[in-house]
Amino acid sequence: MENDVTNAIPTESKSSGMGAIIGAIIIIIILVAGGWYFIGNRVEKIQEQKDANKVLDVSTGSSTEVEDIQADLDNLDLNALDQ
């Protein structure tokens, strides 16, 4: 009996590690979904700001001739200025 060695350290069965992999995948999915949500909200806010700050684009000629100025005034859409 003197030569018998007793193992005092209990051995644990090795798992396949699937729990850790599945947990990491779930965390990655949650992070991607959260990022998608916040980026979507930010894009929506930017679009609303662009719509609110819409600048009226009026193109006129650069001529100083009276006829050209009168033509520009006749072509000006005054209803667009009422917004």
Protein backbone atom coordinates (compact mmCIF):
# COMPACT_ATOMS: atom_id res chain seq x y z
CA MET A 1 0.00 0.00 0.00
CA GLU A 2 2.93 2.25 0.37
CA ASN A 3 3.33 2.46 -3.38
CA ASP A 4 -0.28 3.41 -4.05
CA VAL A 5 -0.62 7.07 -4.98
CA THR A 6 -3.89 8.70 -4.23
CA ASN A 7 -5.02 11.54 -6.39
CA ALA A 8 -6.10 14.34 -4.04
CA ILE A 9 -7.03 16.74 -6.85
CA PRO A 10 -10.44 16.00 -8.30
CA THR A 11 -10.55 15.90 -12.05
CA GLU A 12 -13.18 17.84 -13.94
CA SER A 13 -14.62 16.60 -17.14
CA LYS A 14 -13.75 18.83 -20.07
CA SER A 15 -16.67 20.50 -21.79
CA SER A 16 -16.75 21.25 -25.46
CA GLY A 17 -16.82 25.03 -24.90
CA MET A 18 -20.07 25.52 -26.78
CA GLY A 19 -21.56 27.62 -23.99
CA ALA A 20 -18.84 30.24 -24.28
CA ILE A 21 -19.15 30.38 -28.06
CA ILE A 22 -22.94 30.72 -27.93
CA GLY A 23 -22.62 33.44 -25.26
CA ALA A 24 -20.15 35.39 -27.39
CA ILE A 25 -22.42 35.12 -30.42
CA ILE A 26 -25.39 36.41 -28.41
CA ILE A 27 -23.37 39.36 -27.12
CA ILE A 28 -22.20 40.23 -30.64
CA ILE A 29 -25.79 40.08 -31.94
CA ILE A 30 -26.96 42.39 -29.14
CA LEU A 31 -24.17 44.88 -29.87
CA VAL A 32 -24.93 44.90 -33.60
CA ALA A 33 -28.67 45.36 -32.99
CA GLY A 34 -28.02 48.22 -30.56
CA GLY A 35 -25.66 49.94 -32.98
CA TRP A 36 -28.17 49.56 -35.78
CA TYR A 37 -30.88 51.10 -33.59
CA PHE A 38 -28.82 54.12 -32.53
CA ILE A 39 -27.41 54.76 -36.02
CA GLY A 40 -30.94 54.61 -37.44
CA ASN A 41 -32.13 57.20 -34.92
CA ARG A 42 -29.19 59.47 -35.71
CA VAL A 43 -29.80 59.26 -39.47
CA GLU A 44 -33.48 60.08 -38.90
CA LYS A 45 -32.58 63.15 -36.81
CA ILE A 46 -30.13 64.35 -39.46
CA GLN A 47 -32.79 63.94 -42.16
CA GLU A 48 -35.31 65.92 -40.07
CA GLN A 49 -32.75 68.70 -39.59
CA LYS A 50 -32.10 68.84 -43.32
CA ASP A 51 -35.81 69.07 -44.03
CA ALA A 52 -36.27 71.81 -41.42
CA ASN A 53 -33.33 73.86 -42.68
CA LYS A 54 -34.16 73.56 -46.34
CA VAL A 55 -32.61 76.50 -48.13
CA LEU A 56 -34.46 78.06 -50.99
CA ASP A 57 -32.39 77.66 -54.14
CA VAL A 58 -32.99 80.62 -56.41
CA SER A 59 -30.88 80.83 -59.49
CA THR A 60 -30.68 84.21 -61.11
CA GLY A 61 -28.53 85.60 -63.84
CA SER A 62 -25.53 87.77 -63.25
CA SER A 63 -26.36 90.31 -65.92
CA THR A 64 -26.93 93.95 -64.99
CA GLU A 65 -29.09 94.65 -68.02
CA VAL A 66 -32.60 95.86 -67.17
CA GLU A 67 -34.23 93.32 -69.46
CA ASP A 68 -32.37 90.43 -67.81
CA ILE A 69 -33.23 91.66 -64.32
CA GLN A 70 -36.88 91.97 -65.31
CA ALA A 71 -36.82 88.42 -66.74
CA ASP A 72 -35.35 87.10 -63.49
CA LEU A 73 -38.07 88.86 -61.47
CA ASP A 74 -40.79 87.49 -63.74
CA ASN A 75 -39.45 83.95 -63.33
CA LEU A 76 -39.17 84.20 -59.53
CA ASP A 77 -41.65 81.93 -57.73
CA LEU A 78 -42.94 84.03 -54.84
CA ASN A 79 -44.97 81.12 -53.42
CA ALA A 80 -41.73 79.33 -52.62
CA LEU A 81 -40.69 82.26 -50.43
CA ASP A 82 -43.84 81.88 -48.31
CA GLN A 83 -42.67 78.64 -46.68
